[in-house]
Amino acid sequence: MKPRTKFIDKLFVYMKGGAGGNGLPKLNGIGGKGGDVWITAKENQTLRKLKLQNPSQRFTAGVGEHSRKFRIQGEPGEDRVIHVPPGVQVSAADGTVIGDCNVAGDRVLGARGGDGGGPHTGYIGRPGTARQLYLTLKLIADVGLVGFPNAGKSTLLRAVSRARPKVASYPFTTMSPEIGIIHYSDMRQISVADLPGLIEGASRNIGLGHSFLRHVERTQLLLFVVDVNGFQLSPDRVKRSAFETIAILNREIELYKPELLEKPAMLVVNKMDSPAAAETWPELKRRLAEGLDASAAQLPADLRPRRPVQFDHVVPISARCDPESVERVKAKVRACLDIHAAPPPDLEEVHRRMRTGGVVALHNRTVDMEHDRGHRRRQPRKLPQLA
């Protein structure tokens, strides 16, 4: 069997802008500006490719030319362009976010070139800035599958899309994210990310920890997938019931970044074809109907989420044996995304606020200022619908 290549979703790199060229005092010549280092999103690029192409992970731009007798204005140094996959966030070594390359063509300035020498610098070219940066991939998908290992996430992804992730009856089948596309009859498409399974302690970066949780951040809908029979990581670990599994998943996301729980969420209860489902499903259904907050109060403190997730729908399925139940999931996912989609902008209001400084337009994106901050909080929901 061919070994799977290692997936890389974070790189630590060094970038340095080119030095500016020296000026020519006698003729008041100005040195050329040093080149900049740009980080640009490009389709079909990966951080693994970037690392293989540049093992040192050091990127420098060209230096500016000196001013000369026959070229008073020195030529600028050549820019260095670093291609990264869409979805990369650029941050400083201290964690400060510098910018995002979300779609192909987006770019972020990694390191600025130095000014050319002139009267204001004593005709000495300035050095370029040097920075150590993190390039962190956060997958952009409509739906993120959240669950413990072996809950059937990969099987579900195969069932709803044309993706072919590895599927087997043991934990940690998915070691790197997989993206599948749900195709609907009216040509609508919804992307689904199958993420590596969580384990208890993921919020403390145990197991794949943060490698999983960071990919959840940019999904629009959290689709929890649990085994109706519960989960046991290994014989020496405590076996968790399906309800405890839901509470632990909720708790791990809450500890990592509580605001992620503001996202719309659905619950898929998988493996309903198993013999024990006839006993375990009614009990789980009862506890969910009571409400996650009320039922979770009976759990030990270390398992109990303080901010219970709110499920719009709960759908029992067999991803392997029941195609009709998979179709119900597809329909519910679409409906959930449509219900929680942001309303189309009021163009007159946008134009008015652009004139008054309330909104700044950037390419095909709009960055909202203080006026609307906090006005998009989700409304309280009713108890989940049991499909």
Protein backbone atom coordinates (compact mmCIF):
# COMPACT_ATOMS: atom_id res chain seq x y z
CA MET A 1 0.00 0.00 0.00
CA LYS A 2 1.31 3.41 -0.92
CA PRO A 3 1.92 5.51 2.21
CA ARG A 4 -0.14 8.65 2.54
CA THR A 5 1.80 11.89 2.23
CA LYS A 6 1.98 14.04 5.33
CA PHE A 7 -0.50 16.89 5.34
CA ILE A 8 0.93 20.24 6.41
CA ASP A 9 -1.35 23.02 7.60
CA LYS A 10 1.17 25.29 9.34
CA LEU A 11 4.60 26.63 8.36
CA PHE A 12 7.02 28.90 10.20
CA VAL A 13 8.91 31.03 7.67
CA TYR A 14 11.47 33.82 7.55
CA MET A 15 10.93 36.71 5.14
CA LYS A 16 13.13 39.70 4.39
CA GLY A 17 12.57 42.61 2.05
CA GLY A 18 15.41 43.69 -0.21
CA ALA A 19 17.74 46.51 0.84
CA GLY A 20 17.42 49.83 -0.93
CA GLY A 21 20.25 50.95 -3.23
CA ASN A 22 22.59 53.79 -2.33
CA GLY A 23 22.06 57.24 -3.78
CA LEU A 24 24.60 59.44 -5.59
CA PRO A 25 25.16 62.66 -3.60
CA LYS A 26 27.01 64.56 -6.35
CA LEU A 27 24.08 64.32 -8.75
CA ASN A 28 21.34 64.00 -6.14
CA GLY A 29 20.70 60.47 -7.43
CA ILE A 30 18.20 58.24 -5.63
CA GLY A 31 18.86 54.56 -5.03
CA GLY A 32 16.29 51.96 -6.08
CA LYS A 33 13.80 50.70 -3.51
CA GLY A 34 14.31 47.15 -2.26
CA GLY A 35 11.83 44.50 -3.41
CA ASP A 36 8.89 43.39 -1.25
CA VAL A 37 7.94 39.84 -0.28
CA TRP A 38 4.29 39.11 -1.07
CA ILE A 39 2.22 36.14 0.07
CA THR A 40 -0.38 35.34 -2.59
CA ALA A 41 -3.16 32.73 -2.66
CA LYS A 42 -3.09 30.38 -5.64
CA GLU A 43 -5.29 27.45 -6.60
CA ASN A 44 -3.77 23.95 -6.52
CA GLN A 45 -1.00 25.07 -4.17
CA THR A 46 -0.33 23.43 -0.80
CA LEU A 47 1.91 24.29 2.13
CA ARG A 48 3.60 20.94 1.61
CA LYS A 49 4.55 21.92 -1.94
CA LEU A 50 5.83 25.25 -0.66
CA LYS A 51 8.03 23.52 1.90
CA LEU A 52 9.38 21.01 -0.62
CA GLN A 53 10.20 23.80 -3.07
CA ASN A 54 11.89 25.89 -0.36
CA PRO A 55 13.33 23.56 2.32
CA SER A 56 15.05 26.43 4.15
CA GLN A 57 11.71 28.27 4.49
CA ARG A 58 13.59 31.56 4.01
CA PHE A 59 12.35 34.05 1.43
CA THR A 60 14.16 37.25 0.46
CA ALA A 61 13.40 39.87 -2.18
CA GLY A 62 15.85 41.53 -4.55
CA VAL A 63 17.99 44.54 -3.57
CA GLY A 64 17.55 47.95 -5.17
CA GLU A 65 20.25 49.13 -7.55
CA HIS A 66 22.59 51.97 -6.63
CA SER A 67 22.22 55.32 -8.34
CA ARG A 68 24.85 55.72 -11.05
CA LYS A 69 26.11 58.46 -13.32
CA PHE A 70 24.19 57.12 -16.30
CA ARG A 71 21.12 56.01 -14.27
CA ILE A 72 20.36 58.62 -11.64
CA GLN A 73 17.26 56.76 -10.43
CA GLY A 74 18.33 53.28 -9.37
CA GLU A 75 16.22 50.33 -10.52
CA PRO A 76 13.97 48.85 -7.79
CA GLY A 77 14.69 45.36 -6.50
CA GLU A 78 12.60 42.47 -7.73
CA ASP A 79 9.62 41.49 -5.58
CA ARG A 80 9.43 37.92 -4.26
CA VAL A 81 6.02 36.26 -4.54
CA ILE A 82 5.23 33.28 -2.28
CA HIS A 83 2.27 31.18 -3.39
CA VAL A 84 0.08 29.63 -0.71
CA PRO A 85 -3.24 27.75 -0.89
CA PRO A 86 -6.48 29.73 -0.43
CA GLY A 87 -7.47 29.81 3.24
CA VAL A 88 -4.06 30.72 4.67
CA GLN A 89 -3.87 33.17 7.55
CA VAL A 90 -0.63 35.10 8.01
CA SER A 91 0.39 35.92 11.58
CA ALA A 92 3.45 37.21 13.39
CA ALA A 93 5.51 35.08 15.75
CA ASP A 94 3.60 36.58 18.71
CA GLY A 95 0.25 35.51 17.21
CA THR A 96 -0.80 38.90 15.84
CA VAL A 97 -2.85 38.36 12.68
CA ILE A 98 -1.42 40.28 9.73
CA GLY A 99 -3.85 39.25 7.01
CA ASP A 100 -5.73 36.48 5.23
CA CYS A 101 -5.43 34.94 1.77
CA ASN A 102 -8.92 33.50 1.51
CA VAL A 103 -9.40 33.25 -2.25
CA ALA A 104 -7.06 32.96 -5.22
CA GLY A 105 -5.50 36.36 -5.91
CA ASP A 106 -5.68 37.63 -2.33
CA ARG A 107 -2.27 38.78 -1.13
CA VAL A 108 -0.59 39.93 2.06
CA LEU A 109 2.66 41.90 2.39
CA GLY A 110 5.09 39.61 4.18
CA ALA A 111 8.13 41.92 4.33
CA ARG A 112 8.65 45.41 2.95
CA GLY A 113 11.72 46.42 0.97
CA GLY A 114 13.94 49.24 2.22
CA ASP A 115 13.84 52.77 0.78
CA GLY A 116 16.48 53.79 -1.70
CA GLY A 117 19.15 56.18 -0.51
CA GLY A 118 18.38 59.87 -0.96
CA PRO A 119 18.68 63.22 0.83
CA HIS A 120 16.47 62.04 3.69
CA THR A 121 18.72 59.01 4.36
CA GLY A 122 22.10 60.57 3.71
CA TYR A 123 22.07 58.71 0.37
CA ILE A 124 22.42 55.39 2.15
CA GLY A 125 19.91 52.68 1.19
CA ARG A 126 17.73 51.40 4.01
CA PRO A 127 17.66 47.68 4.89
CA GLY A 128 14.48 45.73 4.20
CA THR A 129 12.31 44.57 7.09
CA ALA A 130 12.83 41.00 8.34
CA ARG A 131 9.99 39.01 9.87
CA GLN A 132 9.30 35.54 11.15
CA LEU A 133 5.77 34.55 10.22
CA TYR A 134 3.34 31.68 10.60
CA LEU A 135 1.40 30.56 7.54
CA THR A 136 -1.63 28.73 8.92
CA LEU A 137 -4.14 26.98 6.67
CA LYS A 138 -7.73 27.19 7.82
CA LEU A 139 -9.94 25.31 5.41
CA ILE A 140 -12.85 27.21 3.94
CA ALA A 141 -15.91 25.00 3.54
CA ASP A 142 -19.65 25.41 3.97
CA VAL A 143 -19.93 22.47 6.36
CA GLY A 144 -17.43 20.98 8.81
CA LEU A 145 -17.90 17.42 10.10
CA VAL A 146 -17.23 17.29 13.85
CA GLY A 147 -16.89 14.00 15.68
CA PHE A 148 -14.78 11.46 17.50
CA PRO A 149 -12.67 9.04 15.47
CA ASN A 150 -14.60 6.20 13.84
CA ALA A 151 -17.96 7.97 14.13
CA GLY A 152 -18.50 7.46 10.40
CA LYS A 153 -17.59 10.93 9.14
CA SER A 154 -15.63 9.62 6.17
CA THR A 155 -18.41 7.19 5.28
CA LEU A 156 -20.90 10.05 5.40
CA LEU A 157 -18.71 12.22 3.20
CA ARG A 158 -18.50 9.43 0.62
CA ALA A 159 -22.26 9.03 0.75
CA VAL A 160 -23.16 12.71 0.26
CA SER A 161 -20.44 13.64 -2.23
CA ARG A 162 -18.02 12.29 -4.79
CA ALA A 163 -15.08 12.47 -2.39
CA ARG A 164 -13.30 9.19 -1.69
CA PRO A 165 -11.64 9.46 1.73
CA LYS A 166 -10.11 6.37 3.28
CA VAL A 167 -12.71 4.37 5.23
CA ALA A 168 -12.00 1.57 7.71
CA SER A 169 -13.32 0.22 11.00
CA TYR A 170 -10.64 1.68 13.24
CA PRO A 171 -10.04 5.14 14.74
CA PHE A 172 -7.99 7.90 13.12
CA THR A 173 -8.70 6.85 9.54
CA THR A 174 -8.78 10.54 8.61
CA MET A 175 -5.38 12.03 9.38
CA SER A 176 -5.78 15.06 7.13
CA PRO A 177 -8.80 17.09 6.00
CA GLU A 178 -10.80 15.95 3.00
CA ILE A 179 -13.17 18.17 1.01
CA GLY A 180 -16.26 16.83 -0.74
CA ILE A 181 -18.94 18.62 -2.74
CA ILE A 182 -22.67 17.89 -2.40
CA HIS A 183 -24.31 18.28 -5.81
CA TYR A 184 -28.04 19.06 -5.96
CA SER A 185 -30.37 18.61 -8.93
CA ASP A 186 -30.73 22.38 -9.42
CA MET A 187 -26.92 22.75 -9.74
CA ARG A 188 -26.48 24.01 -6.18
CA GLN A 189 -23.20 22.88 -4.63
CA ILE A 190 -22.23 22.76 -0.95
CA SER A 191 -18.70 21.97 0.22
CA VAL A 192 -18.16 19.61 3.17
CA ALA A 193 -14.90 19.18 5.08
CA ASP A 194 -14.17 15.85 6.76
CA LEU A 195 -11.78 16.81 9.54
CA PRO A 196 -9.52 14.56 11.65
CA GLY A 197 -11.39 13.11 14.62
CA LEU A 198 -11.27 14.88 17.95
CA ILE A 199 -10.36 13.21 21.22
CA GLU A 200 -10.78 14.38 24.78
CA GLY A 201 -8.18 17.06 25.47
CA ALA A 202 -8.14 18.46 21.93
CA SER A 203 -8.59 21.99 23.28
CA ARG A 204 -5.26 21.47 25.11
CA ASN A 205 -3.73 20.36 21.78
CA ILE A 206 -3.79 16.66 22.72
CA GLY A 207 -3.90 14.35 19.71
CA LEU A 208 -4.50 16.36 16.55
CA GLY A 209 -5.99 19.06 18.79
CA HIS A 210 -5.56 22.50 17.31
CA SER A 211 -4.87 21.05 13.85
CA PHE A 212 -8.52 20.02 13.87
CA LEU A 213 -10.07 22.94 15.68
CA ARG A 214 -8.53 25.67 13.53
CA HIS A 215 -10.25 24.20 10.45
CA VAL A 216 -13.65 24.50 12.13
CA GLU A 217 -13.28 28.28 12.37
CA ARG A 218 -14.16 29.07 8.75
CA THR A 219 -17.01 26.65 8.19
CA GLN A 220 -20.54 28.04 8.11
CA LEU A 221 -22.27 25.00 9.64
CA LEU A 222 -21.02 22.53 12.25
CA LEU A 223 -22.31 19.03 11.47
CA PHE A 224 -21.77 16.85 14.54
CA VAL A 225 -21.51 13.14 13.74
CA VAL A 226 -21.76 10.62 16.60
CA ASP A 227 -21.98 6.86 16.81
CA VAL A 228 -25.32 5.89 18.37
CA ASN A 229 -23.42 3.23 20.35
CA GLY A 230 -20.97 5.70 21.87
CA PHE A 231 -17.18 5.75 21.59
CA GLN A 232 -14.16 4.14 23.23
CA LEU A 233 -10.73 5.25 22.02
CA SER A 234 -8.94 2.15 23.37
CA PRO A 235 -9.61 -0.72 25.81
CA ASP A 236 -7.90 1.16 28.65
CA ARG A 237 -10.05 4.28 28.16
CA VAL A 238 -13.53 4.96 29.51
CA LYS A 239 -16.33 4.18 27.06
CA ARG A 240 -18.53 7.20 26.46
CA SER A 241 -22.20 7.02 25.57
CA ALA A 242 -23.51 8.87 22.53
CA PHE A 243 -24.81 11.66 24.76
CA GLU A 244 -21.50 11.96 26.60
CA THR A 245 -19.77 12.11 23.22
CA ILE A 246 -21.91 15.08 22.20
CA ALA A 247 -21.19 16.85 25.50
CA ILE A 248 -17.42 16.27 25.18
CA LEU A 249 -17.35 17.55 21.58
CA ASN A 250 -19.29 20.60 22.75
CA ARG A 251 -16.89 21.12 25.66
CA GLU A 252 -13.73 20.83 23.55
CA ILE A 253 -14.94 23.42 21.04
CA GLU A 254 -16.07 25.68 23.90
CA LEU A 255 -12.64 25.52 25.56
CA TYR A 256 -10.84 26.23 22.29
CA LYS A 257 -12.96 29.16 21.09
CA PRO A 258 -16.44 29.70 22.60
CA GLU A 259 -17.67 31.91 19.75
CA LEU A 260 -17.54 28.90 17.42
CA LEU A 261 -20.67 27.68 19.19
CA GLU A 262 -22.55 30.63 17.70
CA LYS A 263 -22.39 28.90 14.35
CA PRO A 264 -25.46 26.95 13.17
CA ALA A 265 -25.21 23.28 14.11
CA MET A 266 -26.81 19.97 13.21
CA LEU A 267 -26.46 16.53 14.75
CA VAL A 268 -26.23 13.30 12.76
CA VAL A 269 -26.60 10.11 14.81
CA ASN A 270 -24.89 7.45 12.73
CA LYS A 271 -24.80 3.61 12.64
CA MET A 272 -28.52 3.18 13.19
CA ASP A 273 -28.16 -0.17 11.40
CA SER A 274 -26.20 -1.62 14.35
CA PRO A 275 -28.02 -4.16 16.59
CA ALA A 276 -27.67 -2.06 19.76
CA ALA A 277 -29.27 1.02 18.17
CA ALA A 278 -32.76 -0.19 19.12
CA GLU A 279 -31.80 0.33 22.77
CA THR A 280 -29.39 3.28 22.64
CA TRP A 281 -31.31 5.56 20.24
CA PRO A 282 -34.52 5.96 22.34
CA GLU A 283 -32.46 6.98 25.37
CA LEU A 284 -30.40 9.47 23.38
CA LYS A 285 -33.54 10.84 21.73
CA ARG A 286 -35.15 11.37 25.15
CA ARG A 287 -32.17 13.27 26.52
CA LEU A 288 -31.90 15.47 23.44
CA ALA A 289 -35.62 16.25 23.62
CA GLU A 290 -35.13 17.42 27.22
CA GLY A 291 -32.44 19.84 25.99
CA LEU A 292 -28.68 19.52 26.08
CA ASP A 293 -28.32 22.02 28.92
CA ALA A 294 -30.79 20.18 31.19
CA SER A 295 -29.48 16.69 30.43
CA ALA A 296 -25.83 17.75 30.64
CA ALA A 297 -26.38 18.95 34.21
CA GLN A 298 -26.27 15.29 35.26
CA LEU A 299 -22.77 14.80 33.82
CA PRO A 300 -19.48 15.16 35.74
CA ALA A 301 -18.17 18.73 35.81
CA ASP A 302 -15.24 17.95 33.49
CA LEU A 303 -17.62 16.77 30.77
CA ARG A 304 -20.33 19.38 31.21
CA PRO A 305 -20.34 22.23 28.66
CA ARG A 306 -21.14 25.64 30.09
CA ARG A 307 -22.44 26.83 26.76
CA PRO A 308 -24.50 23.99 25.26
CA VAL A 309 -24.57 23.82 21.48
CA GLN A 310 -27.99 24.34 19.89
CA PHE A 311 -28.89 21.87 17.16
CA ASP A 312 -31.29 22.97 14.45
CA HIS A 313 -31.89 19.35 13.42
CA VAL A 314 -31.11 15.88 14.77
CA VAL A 315 -31.05 13.22 12.05
CA PRO A 316 -30.63 9.48 12.77
CA ILE A 317 -28.98 7.73 9.80
CA SER A 318 -26.99 4.81 8.53
CA ALA A 319 -24.44 6.35 6.20
CA ARG A 320 -23.41 2.90 5.02
CA CYS A 321 -26.77 1.14 4.56
CA ASP A 322 -29.58 3.68 4.23
CA PRO A 323 -29.37 6.04 1.22
CA GLU A 324 -32.73 7.62 2.08
CA SER A 325 -31.41 8.79 5.45
CA VAL A 326 -28.38 10.31 3.68
CA GLU A 327 -30.73 12.22 1.37
CA ARG A 328 -32.47 13.62 4.45
CA VAL A 329 -29.13 14.87 5.73
CA LYS A 330 -28.42 16.60 2.41
CA ALA A 331 -31.82 18.30 2.47
CA LYS A 332 -31.46 19.43 6.09
CA VAL A 333 -27.93 20.77 5.49
CA ARG A 334 -29.13 22.88 2.59
CA ALA A 335 -32.14 24.17 4.52
CA CYS A 336 -30.01 25.02 7.55
CA LEU A 337 -27.48 26.95 5.48
CA ASP A 338 -30.23 28.85 3.69
CA ILE A 339 -32.02 29.79 6.90
CA HIS A 340 -28.87 31.15 8.50
CA ALA A 341 -27.47 32.79 5.38
CA ALA A 342 -26.71 36.50 5.77
CA PRO A 343 -29.44 38.64 4.15
CA PRO A 344 -28.51 40.47 0.95
CA PRO A 345 -27.16 43.95 1.64
CA ASP A 346 -29.31 47.05 1.33
CA LEU A 347 -27.37 48.80 -1.44
CA GLU A 348 -28.72 52.25 -0.60
CA GLU A 349 -27.66 51.79 3.02
CA VAL A 350 -24.22 50.54 1.93
CA HIS A 351 -23.70 53.55 -0.33
CA ARG A 352 -24.85 55.93 2.39
CA ARG A 353 -22.46 54.45 4.95
CA MET A 354 -19.59 54.40 2.48
CA ARG A 355 -20.07 58.15 2.09
CA THR A 356 -20.07 58.60 5.88
CA GLY A 357 -17.17 56.22 6.58
CA GLY A 358 -19.25 53.38 8.04
CA VAL A 359 -18.17 50.75 5.52
CA VAL A 360 -14.91 50.26 3.68
CA ALA A 361 -15.07 48.21 0.44
CA LEU A 362 -12.08 45.98 -0.34
CA HIS A 363 -12.12 44.26 -3.73
CA ASN A 364 -15.09 41.88 -3.60
CA ARG A 365 -15.29 41.96 0.20
CA THR A 366 -16.68 44.56 2.56
CA VAL A 367 -15.15 45.22 5.95
CA ASP A 368 -17.74 46.49 8.42
CA MET A 369 -16.74 49.13 10.94
CA GLU A 370 -17.91 49.69 14.52
CA HIS A 371 -21.48 50.65 13.66
CA ASP A 372 -22.71 47.10 13.04
CA ARG A 373 -20.35 45.19 15.28
CA GLY A 374 -22.29 42.82 17.48
CA HIS A 375 -25.58 43.12 15.57
CA ARG A 376 -25.33 39.68 13.98
CA ARG A 377 -25.77 37.59 17.09
CA ARG A 378 -27.94 34.59 16.53
CA GLN A 379 -31.42 34.46 17.99
CA PRO A 380 -32.33 31.79 20.57
CA ARG A 381 -33.53 28.59 18.92
CA LYS A 382 -36.24 26.12 19.72
CA LEU A 383 -35.45 22.55 20.67
CA PRO A 384 -33.95 20.59 17.77
CA GLN A 385 -36.19 18.90 15.24
CA LEU A 386 -35.82 15.13 15.39
CA ALA A 387 -35.94 13.95 11.79
